N, C-alpha and C. Protein backbone atom coordinates (compact mmCIF):
# COMPACT_ATOMS: atom_id res chain seq x y z
N MET A 1 17.06 54.46 47.58
CA MET A 1 17.44 53.80 48.80
C MET A 1 18.50 52.76 48.45
N GLY A 2 19.64 52.86 49.09
CA GLY A 2 20.73 51.95 48.79
C GLY A 2 20.70 50.71 49.66
N LYS A 3 21.50 49.71 49.26
CA LYS A 3 21.52 48.46 50.00
C LYS A 3 22.17 48.61 51.37
N ASP A 4 22.92 49.71 51.59
CA ASP A 4 23.60 49.91 52.86
C ASP A 4 22.73 50.63 53.88
N THR A 5 21.46 50.83 53.58
CA THR A 5 20.56 51.54 54.50
C THR A 5 20.05 50.59 55.57
N GLY A 6 19.28 51.15 56.51
CA GLY A 6 18.68 50.36 57.57
C GLY A 6 17.54 49.48 57.11
N GLY A 7 17.14 49.61 55.86
CA GLY A 7 16.13 48.73 55.31
C GLY A 7 14.70 49.07 55.70
N VAL A 8 13.85 48.07 55.54
CA VAL A 8 12.42 48.22 55.76
C VAL A 8 11.95 47.20 56.79
N MET A 9 11.16 47.67 57.73
CA MET A 9 10.51 46.77 58.67
C MET A 9 9.06 46.61 58.22
N LEU A 10 8.65 45.38 57.91
CA LEU A 10 7.27 45.08 57.55
C LEU A 10 6.53 44.71 58.82
N ALA A 11 5.49 45.44 59.14
CA ALA A 11 4.68 45.14 60.33
C ALA A 11 3.30 44.70 59.87
N SER A 12 2.95 43.47 60.17
CA SER A 12 1.62 42.94 59.86
C SER A 12 0.77 43.07 61.11
N ILE A 13 -0.33 43.83 60.99
CA ILE A 13 -1.17 44.13 62.15
C ILE A 13 -2.46 43.33 62.06
N THR A 14 -2.68 42.44 63.03
CA THR A 14 -3.90 41.64 63.06
C THR A 14 -4.72 41.98 64.30
N SER A 15 -6.02 41.94 64.14
CA SER A 15 -6.89 42.19 65.31
C SER A 15 -8.18 41.42 65.10
N PHE A 16 -9.31 42.10 65.17
CA PHE A 16 -10.59 41.41 65.15
C PHE A 16 -10.94 40.79 63.79
N GLU A 17 -10.35 41.31 62.67
CA GLU A 17 -10.64 40.70 61.38
C GLU A 17 -10.14 39.26 61.41
N ARG A 18 -10.96 38.34 60.99
CA ARG A 18 -10.59 36.92 60.93
C ARG A 18 -10.18 36.39 62.30
N ASN A 19 -10.72 36.97 63.39
CA ASN A 19 -10.39 36.56 64.76
C ASN A 19 -8.90 36.58 65.03
N GLY A 20 -8.21 37.54 64.41
CA GLY A 20 -6.78 37.71 64.64
C GLY A 20 -5.88 36.84 63.78
N TRP A 21 -6.46 35.91 63.03
CA TRP A 21 -5.63 35.07 62.16
C TRP A 21 -5.12 35.91 61.00
N PRO A 22 -3.87 35.73 60.61
CA PRO A 22 -3.34 36.50 59.47
C PRO A 22 -4.10 36.18 58.19
N SER A 23 -4.37 37.19 57.42
CA SER A 23 -5.04 37.02 56.14
C SER A 23 -4.10 36.29 55.17
N PRO A 24 -4.60 35.30 54.45
CA PRO A 24 -3.75 34.63 53.46
C PRO A 24 -3.18 35.61 52.43
N ALA A 25 -3.96 36.61 52.02
CA ALA A 25 -3.48 37.58 51.04
C ALA A 25 -2.29 38.37 51.58
N VAL A 26 -2.37 38.78 52.85
CA VAL A 26 -1.28 39.53 53.46
C VAL A 26 -0.05 38.63 53.61
N MET A 27 -0.23 37.43 54.11
CA MET A 27 0.91 36.55 54.34
C MET A 27 1.57 36.14 53.03
N ASN A 28 0.77 35.87 51.98
CA ASN A 28 1.36 35.58 50.68
C ASN A 28 2.17 36.76 50.18
N TRP A 29 1.64 37.98 50.36
CA TRP A 29 2.36 39.18 49.94
C TRP A 29 3.67 39.29 50.72
N VAL A 30 3.64 39.07 52.04
CA VAL A 30 4.86 39.16 52.86
C VAL A 30 5.90 38.16 52.35
N PHE A 31 5.51 36.92 52.15
CA PHE A 31 6.46 35.90 51.70
C PHE A 31 7.01 36.22 50.32
N GLN A 32 6.15 36.65 49.39
CA GLN A 32 6.62 37.00 48.05
C GLN A 32 7.54 38.22 48.09
N THR A 33 7.19 39.21 48.92
CA THR A 33 8.01 40.40 49.03
C THR A 33 9.39 40.05 49.59
N CYS A 34 9.41 39.26 50.64
CA CYS A 34 10.69 38.87 51.24
C CYS A 34 11.54 38.11 50.22
N GLU A 35 10.94 37.24 49.47
CA GLU A 35 11.68 36.47 48.46
C GLU A 35 12.18 37.38 47.34
N ASN A 36 11.33 38.27 46.85
CA ASN A 36 11.69 39.12 45.71
C ASN A 36 12.66 40.24 46.05
N PHE A 37 12.68 40.68 47.31
CA PHE A 37 13.48 41.85 47.65
C PHE A 37 14.65 41.55 48.58
N ARG A 38 14.81 40.32 49.02
CA ARG A 38 15.82 40.02 50.04
C ARG A 38 17.24 40.34 49.58
N HIS A 39 17.50 40.35 48.26
CA HIS A 39 18.83 40.67 47.76
C HIS A 39 18.97 42.16 47.44
N ARG A 40 17.88 42.89 47.51
CA ARG A 40 17.90 44.31 47.15
C ARG A 40 17.92 45.23 48.35
N ILE A 41 17.35 44.78 49.47
CA ILE A 41 17.23 45.66 50.63
C ILE A 41 17.05 44.81 51.89
N PRO A 42 17.62 45.24 53.01
CA PRO A 42 17.38 44.50 54.25
C PRO A 42 15.91 44.61 54.67
N LEU A 43 15.30 43.47 55.01
CA LEU A 43 13.91 43.43 55.43
C LEU A 43 13.80 42.77 56.79
N SER A 44 12.92 43.31 57.62
CA SER A 44 12.56 42.70 58.90
C SER A 44 11.05 42.51 58.89
N PHE A 45 10.58 41.44 59.49
CA PHE A 45 9.14 41.20 59.58
C PHE A 45 8.75 41.10 61.04
N VAL A 46 7.76 41.90 61.44
CA VAL A 46 7.28 41.89 62.82
C VAL A 46 5.76 41.75 62.82
N PRO A 47 5.24 40.60 63.28
CA PRO A 47 3.79 40.46 63.40
C PRO A 47 3.31 41.12 64.70
N LEU A 48 2.25 41.87 64.61
CA LEU A 48 1.67 42.55 65.78
C LEU A 48 0.22 42.08 65.90
N HIS A 49 -0.08 41.39 66.99
CA HIS A 49 -1.35 40.69 67.12
C HIS A 49 -2.14 41.16 68.34
N GLU A 50 -3.43 41.44 68.13
CA GLU A 50 -4.40 41.70 69.19
C GLU A 50 -4.07 42.88 70.11
N TYR A 51 -3.65 43.99 69.54
CA TYR A 51 -3.46 45.20 70.33
C TYR A 51 -4.77 45.96 70.38
N SER A 52 -5.04 46.55 71.53
CA SER A 52 -6.25 47.34 71.68
C SER A 52 -5.93 48.60 72.48
N PRO A 53 -6.21 49.75 71.91
CA PRO A 53 -6.76 50.00 70.59
C PRO A 53 -5.73 49.66 69.51
N LEU A 54 -6.21 49.56 68.28
CA LEU A 54 -5.35 49.20 67.16
C LEU A 54 -4.16 50.16 67.02
N ALA A 55 -4.36 51.42 67.36
CA ALA A 55 -3.26 52.40 67.27
C ALA A 55 -2.08 52.00 68.16
N ALA A 56 -2.33 51.24 69.21
CA ALA A 56 -1.24 50.78 70.07
C ALA A 56 -0.27 49.91 69.29
N ALA A 57 -0.77 49.10 68.36
CA ALA A 57 0.10 48.27 67.52
C ALA A 57 0.99 49.15 66.65
N ARG A 58 0.43 50.23 66.15
CA ARG A 58 1.23 51.15 65.32
C ARG A 58 2.33 51.80 66.16
N ASN A 59 2.03 52.13 67.41
CA ASN A 59 3.06 52.70 68.29
C ASN A 59 4.17 51.70 68.56
N VAL A 60 3.81 50.44 68.82
CA VAL A 60 4.80 49.39 69.04
C VAL A 60 5.66 49.22 67.78
N ALA A 61 5.03 49.23 66.61
CA ALA A 61 5.77 49.10 65.35
C ALA A 61 6.76 50.24 65.18
N GLY A 62 6.33 51.46 65.48
CA GLY A 62 7.22 52.61 65.37
C GLY A 62 8.42 52.50 66.29
N LYS A 63 8.20 52.11 67.53
CA LYS A 63 9.30 51.95 68.48
C LYS A 63 10.27 50.87 68.01
N LYS A 64 9.74 49.76 67.48
CA LYS A 64 10.58 48.66 67.01
C LYS A 64 11.40 49.09 65.79
N ALA A 65 10.79 49.83 64.88
CA ALA A 65 11.51 50.30 63.68
C ALA A 65 12.66 51.24 64.08
N ILE A 66 12.42 52.10 65.05
CA ILE A 66 13.48 53.00 65.54
C ILE A 66 14.58 52.17 66.19
N GLU A 67 14.19 51.20 67.02
CA GLU A 67 15.14 50.32 67.71
C GLU A 67 16.02 49.56 66.72
N LEU A 68 15.43 49.09 65.61
CA LEU A 68 16.17 48.34 64.61
C LEU A 68 16.98 49.23 63.68
N GLY A 69 16.75 50.54 63.73
CA GLY A 69 17.46 51.46 62.85
C GLY A 69 17.00 51.40 61.41
N CYS A 70 15.73 51.08 61.20
CA CYS A 70 15.18 50.95 59.85
C CYS A 70 15.01 52.32 59.21
N GLU A 71 15.14 52.36 57.90
CA GLU A 71 14.89 53.59 57.16
C GLU A 71 13.40 53.80 56.94
N TRP A 72 12.65 52.68 56.80
CA TRP A 72 11.22 52.75 56.58
C TRP A 72 10.50 51.74 57.45
N LEU A 73 9.30 52.11 57.87
CA LEU A 73 8.36 51.21 58.53
C LEU A 73 7.16 51.08 57.60
N LEU A 74 6.87 49.85 57.18
CA LEU A 74 5.71 49.59 56.33
C LEU A 74 4.71 48.80 57.14
N MET A 75 3.56 49.43 57.44
CA MET A 75 2.51 48.78 58.22
C MET A 75 1.39 48.33 57.29
N VAL A 76 0.98 47.06 57.46
CA VAL A 76 -0.07 46.48 56.63
C VAL A 76 -1.11 45.87 57.56
N ASP A 77 -2.34 46.36 57.45
CA ASP A 77 -3.44 45.81 58.24
C ASP A 77 -3.87 44.46 57.67
N ASN A 78 -4.43 43.64 58.54
CA ASN A 78 -4.81 42.27 58.20
C ASN A 78 -5.87 42.18 57.11
N ASP A 79 -6.67 43.21 56.93
CA ASP A 79 -7.74 43.14 55.94
C ASP A 79 -7.34 43.78 54.60
N MET A 80 -6.04 43.97 54.38
CA MET A 80 -5.56 44.59 53.16
C MET A 80 -4.88 43.55 52.27
N LYS A 81 -4.78 43.86 50.99
CA LYS A 81 -3.98 43.07 50.05
C LYS A 81 -3.06 44.07 49.34
N PRO A 82 -1.82 44.22 49.84
CA PRO A 82 -0.92 45.20 49.23
C PRO A 82 -0.62 44.87 47.76
N HIS A 83 -0.39 45.90 47.00
CA HIS A 83 0.00 45.75 45.60
C HIS A 83 1.38 45.11 45.54
N PRO A 84 1.64 44.24 44.56
CA PRO A 84 2.96 43.60 44.47
C PRO A 84 4.13 44.58 44.38
N GLN A 85 3.87 45.80 43.90
CA GLN A 85 4.95 46.78 43.76
C GLN A 85 5.02 47.78 44.92
N THR A 86 4.40 47.46 46.03
CA THR A 86 4.42 48.38 47.17
C THR A 86 5.84 48.68 47.63
N LEU A 87 6.71 47.68 47.68
CA LEU A 87 8.07 47.93 48.11
C LEU A 87 8.85 48.73 47.07
N ASP A 88 8.52 48.57 45.79
CA ASP A 88 9.13 49.41 44.76
C ASP A 88 8.83 50.88 45.02
N MET A 89 7.61 51.17 45.49
CA MET A 89 7.24 52.54 45.81
C MET A 89 8.21 53.12 46.83
N ILE A 90 8.55 52.32 47.83
CA ILE A 90 9.48 52.78 48.87
C ILE A 90 10.88 52.96 48.30
N LEU A 91 11.33 52.01 47.51
CA LEU A 91 12.67 52.08 46.93
C LEU A 91 12.85 53.27 46.01
N GLU A 92 11.77 53.70 45.36
CA GLU A 92 11.85 54.79 44.40
C GLU A 92 11.51 56.16 45.01
N ALA A 93 11.20 56.19 46.28
CA ALA A 93 10.81 57.46 46.91
C ALA A 93 11.99 58.43 46.97
N ASP A 94 11.67 59.67 46.77
CA ASP A 94 12.64 60.76 46.88
C ASP A 94 12.97 61.00 48.36
N GLU A 95 14.12 61.54 48.64
CA GLU A 95 14.52 61.81 50.03
C GLU A 95 13.56 62.77 50.75
N SER A 96 12.83 63.58 50.00
CA SER A 96 11.91 64.53 50.62
C SER A 96 10.59 63.90 51.04
N MET A 97 10.37 62.65 50.66
CA MET A 97 9.11 61.96 50.96
C MET A 97 9.26 61.16 52.24
N ASP A 98 8.40 61.42 53.22
CA ASP A 98 8.50 60.76 54.52
C ASP A 98 7.36 59.80 54.82
N ILE A 99 6.22 59.98 54.17
CA ILE A 99 5.06 59.11 54.36
C ILE A 99 4.53 58.76 52.98
N LEU A 100 4.38 57.46 52.72
CA LEU A 100 3.92 56.99 51.41
C LEU A 100 2.69 56.10 51.60
N VAL A 101 1.71 56.29 50.72
CA VAL A 101 0.50 55.48 50.76
C VAL A 101 0.16 55.09 49.32
N PRO A 102 0.13 53.79 49.02
CA PRO A 102 -0.28 53.41 47.66
C PRO A 102 -1.77 53.66 47.49
N ILE A 103 -2.20 53.68 46.25
CA ILE A 103 -3.63 53.80 45.99
C ILE A 103 -4.32 52.53 46.48
N PHE A 104 -5.31 52.69 47.34
CA PHE A 104 -6.14 51.56 47.73
C PHE A 104 -7.53 52.06 48.06
N HIS A 105 -8.48 51.15 48.01
CA HIS A 105 -9.88 51.49 48.20
C HIS A 105 -10.47 50.69 49.36
N ARG A 106 -11.55 51.19 49.90
CA ARG A 106 -12.31 50.46 50.91
C ARG A 106 -13.77 50.44 50.46
N TRP A 107 -14.50 49.45 50.90
CA TRP A 107 -15.90 49.33 50.53
C TRP A 107 -16.75 50.18 51.45
N ASP A 108 -17.56 51.04 50.90
CA ASP A 108 -18.52 51.84 51.65
C ASP A 108 -19.88 51.18 51.48
N GLY A 109 -20.31 50.44 52.52
CA GLY A 109 -21.57 49.71 52.44
C GLY A 109 -22.78 50.61 52.29
N ASP A 110 -22.73 51.81 52.89
CA ASP A 110 -23.86 52.72 52.77
C ASP A 110 -24.04 53.22 51.34
N LYS A 111 -22.93 53.55 50.70
CA LYS A 111 -22.99 54.05 49.32
C LYS A 111 -22.92 52.93 48.29
N ARG A 112 -22.58 51.73 48.78
CA ARG A 112 -22.45 50.55 47.91
C ARG A 112 -21.46 50.79 46.78
N GLU A 113 -20.30 51.30 47.16
CA GLU A 113 -19.23 51.53 46.18
C GLU A 113 -17.88 51.56 46.88
N ALA A 114 -16.85 51.36 46.10
CA ALA A 114 -15.49 51.44 46.62
C ALA A 114 -15.08 52.91 46.70
N GLN A 115 -14.47 53.29 47.83
CA GLN A 115 -14.02 54.66 48.05
C GLN A 115 -12.50 54.70 48.11
N LEU A 116 -11.90 55.68 47.45
CA LEU A 116 -10.47 55.88 47.51
C LEU A 116 -10.09 56.24 48.95
N CYS A 117 -9.05 55.63 49.48
CA CYS A 117 -8.67 55.83 50.88
C CYS A 117 -7.66 56.95 51.09
N TRP A 118 -7.61 57.89 50.20
CA TRP A 118 -6.83 59.10 50.43
C TRP A 118 -7.35 60.22 49.56
N SER A 119 -6.99 61.44 49.91
CA SER A 119 -7.39 62.58 49.09
C SER A 119 -6.20 63.50 48.91
N PRO A 120 -6.03 64.03 47.70
CA PRO A 120 -4.90 64.91 47.43
C PRO A 120 -5.08 66.29 48.06
N VAL A 121 -3.98 67.00 48.18
CA VAL A 121 -4.02 68.38 48.64
C VAL A 121 -4.91 69.16 47.67
N GLU A 122 -5.77 70.03 48.19
CA GLU A 122 -6.74 70.73 47.35
C GLU A 122 -6.11 71.52 46.22
N SER A 123 -4.89 72.00 46.39
CA SER A 123 -4.25 72.79 45.35
C SER A 123 -3.91 71.97 44.11
N LEU A 124 -4.17 70.66 44.15
CA LEU A 124 -3.81 69.81 43.02
C LEU A 124 -4.83 69.83 41.89
N GLU A 125 -5.84 70.65 42.00
CA GLU A 125 -6.83 70.70 40.93
C GLU A 125 -6.18 71.04 39.60
N SER A 126 -5.09 71.79 39.63
CA SER A 126 -4.41 72.16 38.39
C SER A 126 -3.31 71.16 38.04
N ASN A 127 -3.05 70.17 38.91
CA ASN A 127 -1.99 69.17 38.72
C ASN A 127 -0.59 69.77 38.69
N ASN A 128 -0.43 71.01 39.15
CA ASN A 128 0.89 71.63 39.16
C ASN A 128 1.77 71.11 40.30
N ASP A 129 1.18 70.51 41.32
CA ASP A 129 1.94 70.08 42.48
C ASP A 129 2.30 68.60 42.47
N THR A 130 2.01 67.88 41.40
CA THR A 130 2.42 66.49 41.35
C THR A 130 3.92 66.44 41.15
N LEU A 131 4.53 65.38 41.64
CA LEU A 131 5.98 65.20 41.50
C LEU A 131 6.22 64.02 40.57
N ASN A 132 7.19 64.16 39.71
CA ASN A 132 7.58 63.05 38.85
C ASN A 132 8.99 62.63 39.23
N VAL A 133 9.12 61.41 39.74
CA VAL A 133 10.41 60.87 40.15
C VAL A 133 10.54 59.49 39.53
N ASN A 134 11.62 59.27 38.83
CA ASN A 134 11.89 57.97 38.20
C ASN A 134 10.72 57.47 37.35
N GLY A 135 10.07 58.38 36.66
CA GLY A 135 8.98 57.99 35.77
C GLY A 135 7.65 57.73 36.47
N ARG A 136 7.59 57.94 37.78
CA ARG A 136 6.33 57.76 38.53
C ARG A 136 5.79 59.13 38.91
N THR A 137 4.47 59.21 38.98
CA THR A 137 3.83 60.43 39.45
C THR A 137 3.51 60.27 40.93
N TRP A 138 3.92 61.24 41.71
CA TRP A 138 3.69 61.24 43.16
C TRP A 138 2.73 62.39 43.46
N ILE A 139 1.76 62.14 44.32
CA ILE A 139 0.74 63.14 44.61
C ILE A 139 0.78 63.49 46.10
N PRO A 140 1.04 64.77 46.44
CA PRO A 140 0.97 65.17 47.86
C PRO A 140 -0.45 64.99 48.38
N LEU A 141 -0.57 64.39 49.58
CA LEU A 141 -1.88 64.07 50.13
C LEU A 141 -2.28 64.98 51.27
N HIS A 142 -3.57 65.20 51.35
CA HIS A 142 -4.17 65.95 52.45
C HIS A 142 -4.47 65.00 53.62
N ARG A 143 -4.94 63.79 53.29
CA ARG A 143 -5.24 62.77 54.30
C ARG A 143 -5.18 61.40 53.62
N CYS A 144 -5.06 60.38 54.44
CA CYS A 144 -4.98 59.02 53.88
C CYS A 144 -5.45 58.00 54.90
N GLY A 145 -5.81 56.83 54.40
CA GLY A 145 -6.09 55.69 55.26
C GLY A 145 -4.77 55.08 55.69
N SER A 146 -4.81 54.23 56.69
CA SER A 146 -3.57 53.65 57.19
C SER A 146 -3.49 52.14 56.99
N GLY A 147 -4.32 51.58 56.13
CA GLY A 147 -4.32 50.14 55.90
C GLY A 147 -3.01 49.63 55.35
N VAL A 148 -2.40 50.40 54.46
CA VAL A 148 -1.05 50.15 53.94
C VAL A 148 -0.37 51.51 53.93
N ILE A 149 0.64 51.67 54.79
CA ILE A 149 1.29 52.97 54.91
C ILE A 149 2.76 52.77 55.26
N ALA A 150 3.62 53.53 54.58
CA ALA A 150 5.06 53.50 54.83
C ALA A 150 5.47 54.84 55.44
N ILE A 151 6.22 54.78 56.53
CA ILE A 151 6.63 55.99 57.25
C ILE A 151 8.10 55.88 57.59
N ARG A 152 8.82 56.98 57.38
CA ARG A 152 10.20 57.03 57.85
C ARG A 152 10.15 57.20 59.37
N PRO A 153 10.83 56.34 60.12
CA PRO A 153 10.75 56.41 61.59
C PRO A 153 11.14 57.75 62.20
N HIS A 154 11.94 58.57 61.51
CA HIS A 154 12.27 59.87 62.10
C HIS A 154 11.06 60.79 62.19
N CYS A 155 9.96 60.43 61.53
CA CYS A 155 8.72 61.21 61.62
C CYS A 155 7.90 60.87 62.84
N LEU A 156 8.23 59.77 63.50
CA LEU A 156 7.42 59.30 64.62
C LEU A 156 7.74 60.04 65.90
């Protein structure tokens, strides 16, 4: 992704977690990301607060990203703590990649363990379908959580 692109729109989605107040972990990540990447790529920040259902906030984010002409929409839910290299994932993505999800886990209270929030395509048992781009391994997914997700707006 070059510096002349439409950049990335960061959408912070808040709702019932913490009574709608932004999570300190998310806000610290947003501020650090903006500081660390502001010279590398255009960034926009859009807070989305108290939409019901929560999917409505994602629709608003998609419309705004298209309106701004962004190359990527990165949505972060209020109860997530994105990895510091999440934006690097976007910058290093191949042109054929339209939806990116970093590895993240959620707590399953019934099983009392952390569960991976995505699953690879079943054909990956042999690892023949992984992609290696710029020294990173990319795994095609069958499904994923949406707590931290990057989408090219042309997919919306």
